[in-house]
N, C-alpha and C. Protein backbone atom coordinates (compact mmCIF):
# COMPACT_ATOMS: atom_id res chain seq x y z
N MET A 1 151.73 5.47 25.16
CA MET A 1 152.89 6.05 24.54
C MET A 1 152.70 6.20 23.03
N ASN A 2 151.92 5.31 22.43
CA ASN A 2 151.69 5.44 21.00
C ASN A 2 150.94 6.72 20.66
N VAL A 3 150.08 7.15 21.57
CA VAL A 3 149.34 8.40 21.36
C VAL A 3 150.32 9.56 21.30
N MET A 4 151.33 9.54 22.15
CA MET A 4 152.35 10.58 22.15
C MET A 4 153.06 10.64 20.79
N PHE A 5 153.36 9.49 20.23
CA PHE A 5 154.04 9.45 18.94
C PHE A 5 153.14 9.97 17.82
N ILE A 6 151.88 9.55 17.82
CA ILE A 6 150.94 9.99 16.78
C ILE A 6 150.69 11.49 16.89
N MET A 7 150.50 12.00 18.10
CA MET A 7 150.31 13.44 18.28
C MET A 7 151.55 14.20 17.85
N GLY A 8 152.72 13.68 18.19
CA GLY A 8 153.97 14.32 17.80
C GLY A 8 154.13 14.39 16.29
N ILE A 9 153.78 13.31 15.60
CA ILE A 9 153.85 13.29 14.13
C ILE A 9 152.87 14.31 13.55
N PHE A 10 151.64 14.32 14.05
CA PHE A 10 150.65 15.27 13.54
C PHE A 10 151.10 16.70 13.76
N TRP A 11 151.54 17.02 14.98
CA TRP A 11 151.96 18.39 15.28
C TRP A 11 153.17 18.79 14.45
N THR A 12 154.08 17.86 14.21
CA THR A 12 155.27 18.17 13.41
C THR A 12 154.87 18.44 11.97
N LEU A 13 154.01 17.63 11.41
CA LEU A 13 153.56 17.85 10.03
C LEU A 13 152.80 19.16 9.90
N TYR A 14 151.98 19.46 10.88
CA TYR A 14 151.23 20.72 10.87
C TYR A 14 152.18 21.91 11.02
N GLY A 15 153.23 21.74 11.79
CA GLY A 15 154.24 22.78 11.93
C GLY A 15 155.00 23.02 10.64
N ILE A 16 155.32 21.95 9.94
CA ILE A 16 155.99 22.09 8.64
C ILE A 16 155.07 22.81 7.67
N ALA A 17 153.79 22.47 7.70
CA ALA A 17 152.83 23.17 6.85
C ALA A 17 152.80 24.66 7.18
N GLY A 18 152.91 25.00 8.45
CA GLY A 18 152.94 26.40 8.86
C GLY A 18 154.18 27.11 8.36
N LEU A 19 155.32 26.45 8.43
CA LEU A 19 156.54 27.06 7.92
C LEU A 19 156.46 27.31 6.42
N LEU A 20 155.72 26.45 5.75
CA LEU A 20 155.54 26.63 4.30
C LEU A 20 154.40 27.60 3.98
N GLY A 21 153.69 28.06 4.99
CA GLY A 21 152.63 29.05 4.80
C GLY A 21 151.25 28.47 4.60
N TYR A 22 151.06 27.19 4.87
CA TYR A 22 149.75 26.55 4.70
C TYR A 22 149.22 26.12 6.06
N GLN A 23 148.49 27.01 6.69
CA GLN A 23 147.90 26.66 7.97
C GLN A 23 146.60 27.43 8.15
N ASN A 24 145.69 26.83 8.86
CA ASN A 24 144.40 27.45 9.10
C ASN A 24 144.52 28.42 10.27
N ILE A 25 144.12 29.66 10.06
CA ILE A 25 144.14 30.66 11.12
C ILE A 25 142.77 31.30 11.20
N PRO A 26 142.44 31.91 12.34
CA PRO A 26 141.14 32.59 12.46
C PRO A 26 141.00 33.71 11.43
N ALA A 27 139.78 33.94 11.00
CA ALA A 27 139.50 34.93 9.95
C ALA A 27 139.95 36.34 10.33
N LYS A 28 139.91 36.66 11.62
CA LYS A 28 140.28 38.02 12.03
C LYS A 28 141.76 38.31 11.80
N TYR A 29 142.59 37.27 11.64
CA TYR A 29 144.02 37.47 11.41
C TYR A 29 144.39 37.43 9.93
N LYS A 30 143.46 37.14 9.07
CA LYS A 30 143.75 37.05 7.64
C LYS A 30 143.78 38.44 7.01
N SER A 31 144.48 38.55 5.89
CA SER A 31 144.54 39.76 5.07
C SER A 31 145.22 40.94 5.76
N HIS A 32 146.22 40.66 6.56
CA HIS A 32 147.04 41.71 7.15
C HIS A 32 148.45 41.59 6.59
N ARG A 33 149.24 42.63 6.75
CA ARG A 33 150.60 42.59 6.21
C ARG A 33 151.47 41.59 6.97
N TRP A 34 151.11 41.25 8.18
CA TRP A 34 151.90 40.35 9.02
C TRP A 34 151.32 38.94 9.10
N THR A 35 150.33 38.62 8.29
CA THR A 35 149.66 37.32 8.36
C THR A 35 150.63 36.17 8.07
N LYS A 36 151.47 36.31 7.04
CA LYS A 36 152.41 35.23 6.72
C LYS A 36 153.39 34.99 7.86
N ASP A 37 153.84 36.07 8.49
CA ASP A 37 154.75 35.95 9.62
C ASP A 37 154.06 35.22 10.78
N MET A 38 152.80 35.52 10.98
CA MET A 38 152.05 34.87 12.05
C MET A 38 151.91 33.37 11.78
N ILE A 39 151.63 33.02 10.54
CA ILE A 39 151.49 31.60 10.19
C ILE A 39 152.81 30.87 10.42
N ARG A 40 153.91 31.50 10.10
CA ARG A 40 155.22 30.87 10.32
C ARG A 40 155.51 30.73 11.82
N CYS A 41 155.15 31.73 12.60
CA CYS A 41 155.31 31.62 14.06
C CYS A 41 154.46 30.49 14.62
N GLN A 42 153.27 30.37 14.10
CA GLN A 42 152.40 29.28 14.54
C GLN A 42 152.99 27.93 14.13
N GLY A 43 153.60 27.87 12.95
CA GLY A 43 154.27 26.64 12.53
C GLY A 43 155.42 26.28 13.45
N LYS A 44 156.20 27.28 13.87
CA LYS A 44 157.30 27.02 14.81
C LYS A 44 156.76 26.47 16.12
N THR A 45 155.63 26.99 16.55
CA THR A 45 155.03 26.51 17.79
C THR A 45 154.67 25.04 17.70
N TRP A 46 154.02 24.67 16.60
CA TRP A 46 153.64 23.26 16.44
C TRP A 46 154.87 22.37 16.37
N LEU A 47 155.95 22.85 15.74
CA LEU A 47 157.18 22.07 15.73
C LEU A 47 157.79 21.95 17.12
N MET A 48 157.71 23.04 17.89
CA MET A 48 158.24 23.01 19.25
C MET A 48 157.43 22.09 20.16
N LEU A 49 156.22 21.78 19.78
CA LEU A 49 155.42 20.82 20.53
C LEU A 49 155.62 19.40 20.01
N GLY A 50 155.65 19.24 18.70
CA GLY A 50 155.68 17.90 18.12
C GLY A 50 157.02 17.20 18.19
N VAL A 51 158.09 17.89 17.85
CA VAL A 51 159.40 17.24 17.80
C VAL A 51 159.83 16.72 19.17
N PRO A 52 159.70 17.49 20.25
CA PRO A 52 160.08 16.92 21.56
C PRO A 52 159.25 15.70 21.96
N TRP A 53 157.98 15.70 21.59
CA TRP A 53 157.16 14.53 21.92
C TRP A 53 157.62 13.30 21.15
N ILE A 54 158.01 13.48 19.90
CA ILE A 54 158.53 12.35 19.12
C ILE A 54 159.83 11.86 19.75
N LEU A 55 160.71 12.79 20.10
CA LEU A 55 161.99 12.41 20.70
C LEU A 55 161.78 11.72 22.05
N LEU A 56 160.83 12.20 22.84
CA LEU A 56 160.54 11.56 24.12
C LEU A 56 160.00 10.15 23.91
N TYR A 57 159.13 10.00 22.92
CA TYR A 57 158.60 8.66 22.61
C TYR A 57 159.73 7.72 22.19
N LEU A 58 160.62 8.21 21.30
CA LEU A 58 161.72 7.37 20.83
C LEU A 58 162.67 7.02 21.98
N ALA A 59 162.93 7.97 22.86
CA ALA A 59 163.77 7.68 24.03
C ALA A 59 163.12 6.64 24.92
N ALA A 60 161.82 6.76 25.11
CA ALA A 60 161.10 5.79 25.96
C ALA A 60 161.10 4.41 25.33
N THR A 61 160.98 4.36 24.02
CA THR A 61 160.89 3.08 23.33
C THR A 61 162.24 2.37 23.23
N PHE A 62 163.28 3.12 22.89
CA PHE A 62 164.55 2.47 22.58
C PHE A 62 165.59 2.54 23.69
N PHE A 63 165.54 3.55 24.54
CA PHE A 63 166.60 3.70 25.53
C PHE A 63 166.15 3.41 26.96
N PHE A 64 164.94 3.78 27.30
CA PHE A 64 164.51 3.67 28.69
C PHE A 64 163.50 2.56 28.91
N GLU A 65 163.34 1.67 27.96
CA GLU A 65 162.33 0.62 28.06
C GLU A 65 162.59 -0.30 29.25
N ASP A 66 163.84 -0.58 29.54
CA ASP A 66 164.17 -1.53 30.61
C ASP A 66 164.22 -0.89 32.00
N LEU A 67 164.08 0.43 32.09
CA LEU A 67 164.21 1.09 33.38
C LEU A 67 162.95 1.03 34.23
N ASN A 68 161.84 0.62 33.64
CA ASN A 68 160.57 0.49 34.37
C ASN A 68 160.16 1.82 35.01
N ILE A 69 160.14 2.87 34.22
CA ILE A 69 159.75 4.19 34.70
C ILE A 69 158.22 4.26 34.74
N LYS A 70 157.69 4.82 35.81
CA LYS A 70 156.24 4.87 36.00
C LYS A 70 155.59 5.89 35.06
N MET A 71 154.31 5.71 34.81
CA MET A 71 153.57 6.56 33.88
C MET A 71 153.53 8.01 34.36
N GLY A 72 153.46 8.24 35.65
CA GLY A 72 153.47 9.60 36.18
C GLY A 72 154.74 10.35 35.82
N THR A 73 155.85 9.65 35.80
CA THR A 73 157.13 10.26 35.42
C THR A 73 157.12 10.63 33.95
N TRP A 74 156.55 9.78 33.11
CA TRP A 74 156.46 10.10 31.67
C TRP A 74 155.56 11.29 31.45
N PHE A 75 154.49 11.37 32.22
CA PHE A 75 153.60 12.52 32.11
C PHE A 75 154.35 13.80 32.48
N LEU A 76 155.11 13.75 33.56
CA LEU A 76 155.89 14.91 33.98
C LEU A 76 156.92 15.30 32.91
N LEU A 77 157.59 14.33 32.32
CA LEU A 77 158.55 14.61 31.24
C LEU A 77 157.85 15.23 30.03
N ALA A 78 156.66 14.74 29.71
CA ALA A 78 155.91 15.31 28.58
C ALA A 78 155.55 16.76 28.85
N VAL A 79 155.17 17.06 30.07
CA VAL A 79 154.85 18.45 30.43
C VAL A 79 156.09 19.32 30.32
N VAL A 80 157.22 18.83 30.80
CA VAL A 80 158.46 19.60 30.78
C VAL A 80 158.89 19.91 29.35
N VAL A 81 158.80 18.95 28.44
CA VAL A 81 159.23 19.21 27.06
C VAL A 81 158.21 20.05 26.31
N THR A 82 157.00 20.17 26.84
CA THR A 82 155.97 20.97 26.19
C THR A 82 156.04 22.44 26.60
N VAL A 83 156.58 22.74 27.76
CA VAL A 83 156.60 24.10 28.30
C VAL A 83 157.23 25.13 27.36
N PRO A 84 158.40 24.87 26.74
CA PRO A 84 158.96 25.90 25.84
C PRO A 84 158.02 26.28 24.69
N GLY A 85 157.36 25.30 24.11
CA GLY A 85 156.40 25.59 23.05
C GLY A 85 155.23 26.42 23.53
N LEU A 86 154.76 26.14 24.73
CA LEU A 86 153.64 26.91 25.30
C LEU A 86 154.06 28.34 25.60
N ILE A 87 155.25 28.53 26.12
CA ILE A 87 155.74 29.88 26.41
C ILE A 87 155.87 30.67 25.11
N TYR A 88 156.43 30.04 24.08
CA TYR A 88 156.55 30.71 22.78
C TYR A 88 155.18 31.05 22.21
N THR A 89 154.22 30.16 22.39
CA THR A 89 152.86 30.40 21.90
C THR A 89 152.24 31.62 22.58
N VAL A 90 152.38 31.70 23.87
CA VAL A 90 151.82 32.84 24.59
C VAL A 90 152.47 34.14 24.14
N ALA A 91 153.79 34.11 23.92
CA ALA A 91 154.51 35.32 23.52
C ALA A 91 154.06 35.82 22.15
N TRP A 92 154.01 34.93 21.15
CA TRP A 92 153.63 35.41 19.82
C TRP A 92 152.15 35.73 19.76
N ASP A 93 151.33 35.02 20.54
CA ASP A 93 149.90 35.30 20.54
C ASP A 93 149.63 36.72 21.06
N ARG A 94 150.33 37.10 22.11
CA ARG A 94 150.19 38.47 22.62
C ARG A 94 150.63 39.49 21.57
N LYS A 95 151.73 39.18 20.89
CA LYS A 95 152.26 40.11 19.88
C LYS A 95 151.23 40.35 18.78
N TYR A 96 150.67 39.29 18.25
CA TYR A 96 149.75 39.45 17.12
C TYR A 96 148.38 39.97 17.55
N LYS A 97 147.97 39.69 18.77
CA LYS A 97 146.73 40.31 19.26
C LYS A 97 146.91 41.82 19.39
N GLU A 98 148.09 42.23 19.84
CA GLU A 98 148.38 43.65 19.96
C GLU A 98 148.44 44.31 18.58
N LEU A 99 149.06 43.64 17.61
CA LEU A 99 149.08 44.18 16.24
C LEU A 99 147.68 44.31 15.67
N LEU A 100 146.83 43.33 15.94
CA LEU A 100 145.46 43.39 15.46
C LEU A 100 144.72 44.53 16.12
N LYS A 101 144.92 44.72 17.41
CA LYS A 101 144.27 45.80 18.13
C LYS A 101 144.73 47.17 17.60
N GLU A 102 146.02 47.31 17.32
CA GLU A 102 146.54 48.56 16.78
C GLU A 102 145.96 48.88 15.41
N GLU A 103 145.82 47.88 14.56
CA GLU A 103 145.26 48.10 13.24
C GLU A 103 143.78 48.48 13.31
N ARG A 104 143.06 47.92 14.26
CA ARG A 104 141.64 48.25 14.40
C ARG A 104 141.45 49.67 14.92
N VAL A 105 142.38 50.13 15.76
CA VAL A 105 142.31 51.49 16.29
C VAL A 105 142.61 52.49 15.18
N ASP A 106 143.54 52.14 14.28
CA ASP A 106 143.90 53.03 13.17
C ASP A 106 142.80 53.17 12.14
N ASP A 107 141.93 52.16 12.03
CA ASP A 107 140.86 52.20 11.01
C ASP A 107 139.80 53.18 11.30
């Protein structure tokens, strides 16, 4: 469970960095008019992954500690809270790949 908390903290901090415009992206996406928007979308994705994991860890530590929930159930809960972030990631990734493809065709 501590790994979940550490990963959640890292992803949340990286997401905040993305919202502020400081994130590492592949070179092919740099120097476009939409690059800053892409970095912010990527930051939102990391936040959508990190914050639920932190909340799940805190719930497990402070509220559900006495319920004796099995590890498989925690894994399933972690997957469930991760799905919205993954769906958002796939959606924006397709959008920016399409924008990149359109710009390459125009050149």
